[in-house]
Amino acid sequence: MRRTGTAAFLMAAVLLCGRAARAEGEFRFIVDLDHQVIQAGSFNLRPMLRTEERFRDQGLVYLKLFAGLRSDVLPWLTLQTYYAHKDKVSKDHEIWHMAVLDLIVHVEVGPLTIADRHGNELHIRPGLSSSFYRYRNNLDLHFDPGLTWLRLWVADEIRMDADQARLNMNDAKAGIDLLAGKGLRVRLFYDLESSRRSKPDWQVTHVFQFRLILRL
């Protein structure tokens, strides 16, 4: 409850107090694929691949490729580690490399699934002394309304960077999952993203995301 209240207060402050804050629109297309290769009780091991593309008025502005492993090591704990290649397709054309370890704690309470992801990311830009560590915490709630083809969910994520001693981003999200068949899920959601990394003021982006999730 405290986390939810804090997130609501932060978003209100971002939207109402930042005189210089700018709002932009963005569409994201994501494909998320994993394949189970080991299963032993509640433990499994799943190689994963993911691509993410972001579009604004000027076209493609961001491309990210992921490759790594996921594992349900306990009934309530999932680990994933992966490498990501991040290409900011802009006039500066920045290339970043990322090494990531996520710990995801989850529990089911009736029709409600609660998951808390603790993300640890090392961001490296080749040829520059601009590497930094980022901590991400994402809390999401998934609700099963009793339909075989539909799930509802809301989430909030904060991000803090070691090279800038402050909260640099907050994402408030809401969406639906459409279960289109065995192992296939279509996720549609809206993301109110507020960021101030390397900027004096908050920048607000309205994001609409389309994600294909395939479990083999």
Protein backbone atom coordinates (compact mmCIF):
# COMPACT_ATOMS: atom_id res chain seq x y z
CA MET A 1 0.00 0.00 0.00
CA ARG A 2 2.84 2.39 0.81
CA ARG A 3 4.48 1.65 -2.56
CA THR A 4 1.22 2.32 -4.42
CA GLY A 5 0.69 5.62 -2.59
CA THR A 6 4.28 6.70 -3.24
CA ALA A 7 3.96 5.92 -6.95
CA ALA A 8 0.69 7.87 -7.20
CA PHE A 9 2.23 10.86 -5.44
CA LEU A 10 5.32 10.75 -7.67
CA MET A 11 3.29 10.64 -10.86
CA ALA A 12 1.14 13.56 -9.71
CA ALA A 13 4.26 15.57 -8.94
CA VAL A 14 5.80 14.75 -12.32
CA LEU A 15 2.69 15.76 -14.24
CA LEU A 16 1.73 18.86 -12.28
CA CYS A 17 4.99 20.43 -11.10
CA GLY A 18 7.43 20.13 -14.00
CA ARG A 19 7.01 23.39 -15.91
CA ALA A 20 9.65 22.39 -18.43
CA ALA A 21 8.44 18.82 -18.79
CA ARG A 22 7.71 17.77 -22.37
CA ALA A 23 5.20 15.15 -23.46
CA GLU A 24 5.87 12.87 -26.43
CA GLY A 25 4.16 9.86 -27.96
CA GLU A 26 5.83 6.51 -28.67
CA PHE A 27 4.81 3.07 -29.96
CA ARG A 28 6.79 -0.04 -28.99
CA PHE A 29 6.73 -3.47 -30.61
CA ILE A 30 8.26 -6.35 -28.62
CA VAL A 31 8.69 -10.06 -29.37
CA ASP A 32 9.55 -12.24 -26.35
CA LEU A 33 10.51 -15.89 -26.93
CA ASP A 34 11.74 -18.62 -24.61
CA HIS A 35 12.05 -22.40 -24.87
CA GLN A 36 12.14 -24.85 -21.98
CA VAL A 37 15.11 -27.24 -22.17
CA ILE A 38 15.23 -28.59 -18.60
CA GLN A 39 12.36 -29.42 -16.23
CA ALA A 40 12.86 -30.98 -12.78
CA GLY A 41 10.01 -30.44 -10.35
CA SER A 42 9.45 -26.70 -9.95
CA PHE A 43 12.90 -25.95 -11.47
CA ASN A 44 13.28 -25.29 -15.17
CA LEU A 45 15.75 -23.65 -17.52
CA ARG A 46 14.66 -21.62 -20.54
CA PRO A 47 16.90 -19.90 -23.13
CA MET A 48 15.34 -16.55 -24.05
CA LEU A 49 15.41 -14.11 -26.96
CA ARG A 50 13.69 -10.74 -27.20
CA THR A 51 13.59 -7.83 -29.62
CA GLU A 52 12.23 -4.34 -28.91
CA GLU A 53 11.58 -1.58 -31.43
CA ARG A 54 10.42 1.94 -30.61
CA PHE A 55 8.80 4.36 -33.04
CA ARG A 56 8.01 8.08 -32.85
CA ASP A 57 6.85 10.59 -35.45
CA GLN A 58 10.26 10.43 -37.19
CA GLY A 59 10.15 6.63 -37.46
CA LEU A 60 12.36 4.04 -35.75
CA VAL A 61 14.30 5.63 -32.86
CA TYR A 62 15.42 2.62 -30.78
CA LEU A 63 16.32 -1.03 -31.33
CA LYS A 64 17.21 -3.48 -28.57
CA LEU A 65 18.19 -7.18 -28.85
CA PHE A 66 18.30 -9.54 -25.85
CA ALA A 67 19.71 -13.07 -25.40
CA GLY A 68 20.01 -15.03 -22.17
CA LEU A 69 18.49 -17.56 -19.76
CA ARG A 70 15.42 -17.70 -17.54
CA SER A 71 14.90 -20.15 -14.69
CA ASP A 72 12.12 -20.83 -12.19
CA VAL A 73 14.46 -21.92 -9.41
CA LEU A 74 11.69 -22.07 -6.78
CA PRO A 75 7.87 -21.95 -7.01
CA TRP A 76 8.03 -18.29 -5.92
CA LEU A 77 11.34 -17.16 -7.47
CA THR A 78 12.40 -16.64 -11.10
CA LEU A 79 15.89 -15.59 -12.18
CA GLN A 80 16.85 -14.27 -15.59
CA THR A 81 20.22 -13.14 -16.86
CA TYR A 82 20.92 -11.81 -20.33
CA TYR A 83 23.01 -9.62 -22.58
CA ALA A 84 21.33 -6.78 -24.46
CA HIS A 85 22.56 -4.68 -27.39
CA LYS A 86 20.88 -1.26 -27.34
CA ASP A 87 20.95 1.00 -30.41
CA LYS A 88 19.55 4.50 -30.06
CA VAL A 89 18.77 5.33 -33.67
CA SER A 90 18.99 9.10 -33.52
CA LYS A 91 21.22 11.87 -34.77
CA ASP A 92 23.84 10.84 -32.18
CA HIS A 93 23.36 7.10 -32.89
CA GLU A 94 24.41 5.78 -29.48
CA ILE A 95 25.33 2.11 -29.03
CA TRP A 96 25.17 0.55 -25.54
CA HIS A 97 25.90 -2.93 -24.18
CA MET A 98 24.01 -4.26 -21.13
CA ALA A 99 24.61 -7.14 -18.72
CA VAL A 100 21.50 -7.88 -16.65
CA LEU A 101 20.47 -10.04 -13.68
CA ASP A 102 16.79 -9.96 -12.62
CA LEU A 103 15.30 -11.56 -9.50
CA ILE A 104 11.51 -11.91 -9.67
CA VAL A 105 9.53 -12.82 -6.55
CA HIS A 106 5.92 -13.85 -7.24
CA VAL A 107 2.91 -15.20 -5.36
CA GLU A 108 -0.68 -16.12 -6.26
CA VAL A 109 -3.56 -15.04 -4.03
CA GLY A 110 -6.80 -16.38 -5.51
CA PRO A 111 -7.29 -14.74 -8.93
CA LEU A 112 -4.48 -12.23 -8.21
CA THR A 113 -0.80 -12.75 -9.06
CA ILE A 114 1.69 -10.35 -7.46
CA ALA A 115 5.23 -10.09 -8.85
CA ASP A 116 8.13 -7.90 -7.72
CA ARG A 117 11.13 -7.73 -10.07
CA HIS A 118 14.51 -6.53 -8.81
CA GLY A 119 16.59 -5.64 -11.86
CA ASN A 120 20.37 -5.12 -11.83
CA GLU A 121 21.85 -3.68 -15.01
CA LEU A 122 25.37 -2.70 -16.07
CA HIS A 123 25.28 -0.25 -18.98
CA ILE A 124 28.48 0.08 -21.04
CA ARG A 125 29.08 2.47 -23.93
CA PRO A 126 32.13 1.41 -26.00
CA GLY A 127 35.01 3.87 -26.14
CA LEU A 128 33.61 6.17 -23.46
CA SER A 129 33.94 6.34 -19.68
CA SER A 130 30.18 6.54 -19.28
CA SER A 131 29.37 3.09 -17.89
CA PHE A 132 26.91 2.98 -15.00
CA TYR A 133 24.88 0.60 -12.82
CA ARG A 134 21.08 0.82 -12.80
CA TYR A 135 18.68 -0.64 -10.26
CA ARG A 136 15.09 -1.25 -11.37
CA ASN A 137 12.15 -2.30 -9.23
CA ASN A 138 8.92 -3.30 -10.94
CA LEU A 139 5.78 -4.24 -9.00
CA ASP A 140 2.89 -5.67 -11.02
CA LEU A 141 -0.53 -7.11 -10.26
CA HIS A 142 -2.20 -9.55 -12.67
CA PHE A 143 -5.90 -10.37 -12.29
CA ASP A 144 -7.64 -13.42 -13.74
CA PRO A 145 -11.31 -12.48 -14.36
CA GLY A 146 -12.29 -16.11 -14.89
CA LEU A 147 -11.99 -16.09 -18.70
CA THR A 148 -9.63 -18.49 -20.45
CA TRP A 149 -8.49 -15.84 -22.95
CA LEU A 150 -8.05 -12.68 -20.85
CA ARG A 151 -5.86 -11.31 -18.04
CA LEU A 152 -5.86 -7.73 -16.67
CA TRP A 153 -2.86 -6.06 -15.05
CA VAL A 154 -1.32 -2.87 -13.70
CA ALA A 155 2.32 -2.15 -12.82
CA ASP A 156 4.69 0.52 -11.58
CA GLU A 157 8.46 0.63 -12.07
CA ILE A 158 11.15 2.92 -10.68
CA ARG A 159 14.76 3.19 -11.88
CA MET A 160 17.80 4.61 -10.08
CA ASP A 161 21.28 5.05 -11.60
CA ALA A 162 24.53 4.88 -9.62
CA ASP A 163 26.13 7.78 -11.49
CA GLN A 164 23.23 10.14 -10.70
CA ALA A 165 22.16 9.86 -7.07
CA ARG A 166 18.43 10.29 -7.59
CA LEU A 167 15.32 8.62 -8.93
CA ASN A 168 15.61 8.97 -12.70
CA MET A 169 12.52 7.24 -14.04
CA ASN A 170 9.03 6.10 -13.13
CA ASP A 171 6.75 4.01 -15.33
CA ALA A 172 3.05 3.56 -14.55
CA LYS A 173 1.47 0.88 -16.76
CA ALA A 174 -1.93 -0.72 -17.34
CA GLY A 175 -2.95 -3.28 -19.92
CA ILE A 176 -4.45 -6.60 -20.95
CA ASP A 177 -3.07 -9.99 -21.95
CA LEU A 178 -4.92 -11.92 -24.66
CA LEU A 179 -4.22 -15.66 -24.49
CA ALA A 180 -4.29 -16.59 -28.16
CA GLY A 181 -3.37 -20.26 -27.85
CA LYS A 182 -1.06 -22.65 -26.07
CA GLY A 183 2.12 -20.78 -25.28
CA LEU A 184 1.09 -17.61 -27.14
CA ARG A 185 0.13 -14.36 -25.42
CA VAL A 186 -0.58 -10.93 -26.91
CA ARG A 187 0.03 -8.06 -24.51
CA LEU A 188 -1.41 -4.58 -25.13
CA PHE A 189 -0.78 -1.76 -22.70
CA TYR A 190 -0.33 1.93 -22.05
CA ASP A 191 2.76 3.24 -20.26
CA LEU A 192 3.09 6.72 -18.75
CA GLU A 193 6.88 7.06 -18.68
CA SER A 194 8.54 9.91 -16.77
CA SER A 195 12.31 10.29 -17.10
CA ARG A 196 14.95 12.85 -16.17
CA ARG A 197 18.21 10.98 -16.78
CA SER A 198 20.91 13.54 -17.70
CA LYS A 199 18.21 16.24 -17.80
CA PRO A 200 17.29 18.95 -15.28
CA ASP A 201 13.55 18.37 -15.66
CA TRP A 202 11.17 15.47 -16.05
CA GLN A 203 10.32 14.42 -19.61
CA VAL A 204 6.95 12.68 -20.00
CA THR A 205 6.37 10.11 -22.74
CA HIS A 206 3.03 8.44 -23.54
CA VAL A 207 3.86 4.92 -24.70
CA PHE A 208 1.59 2.37 -26.39
CA GLN A 209 3.08 -1.12 -26.48
CA PHE A 210 2.30 -4.28 -28.42
CA ARG A 211 4.09 -7.43 -27.25
CA LEU A 212 4.06 -11.00 -28.53
CA ILE A 213 5.07 -13.54 -25.85
CA LEU A 214 5.79 -17.09 -27.02
CA ARG A 215 6.55 -19.96 -24.65
CA LEU A 216 7.67 -23.20 -26.36
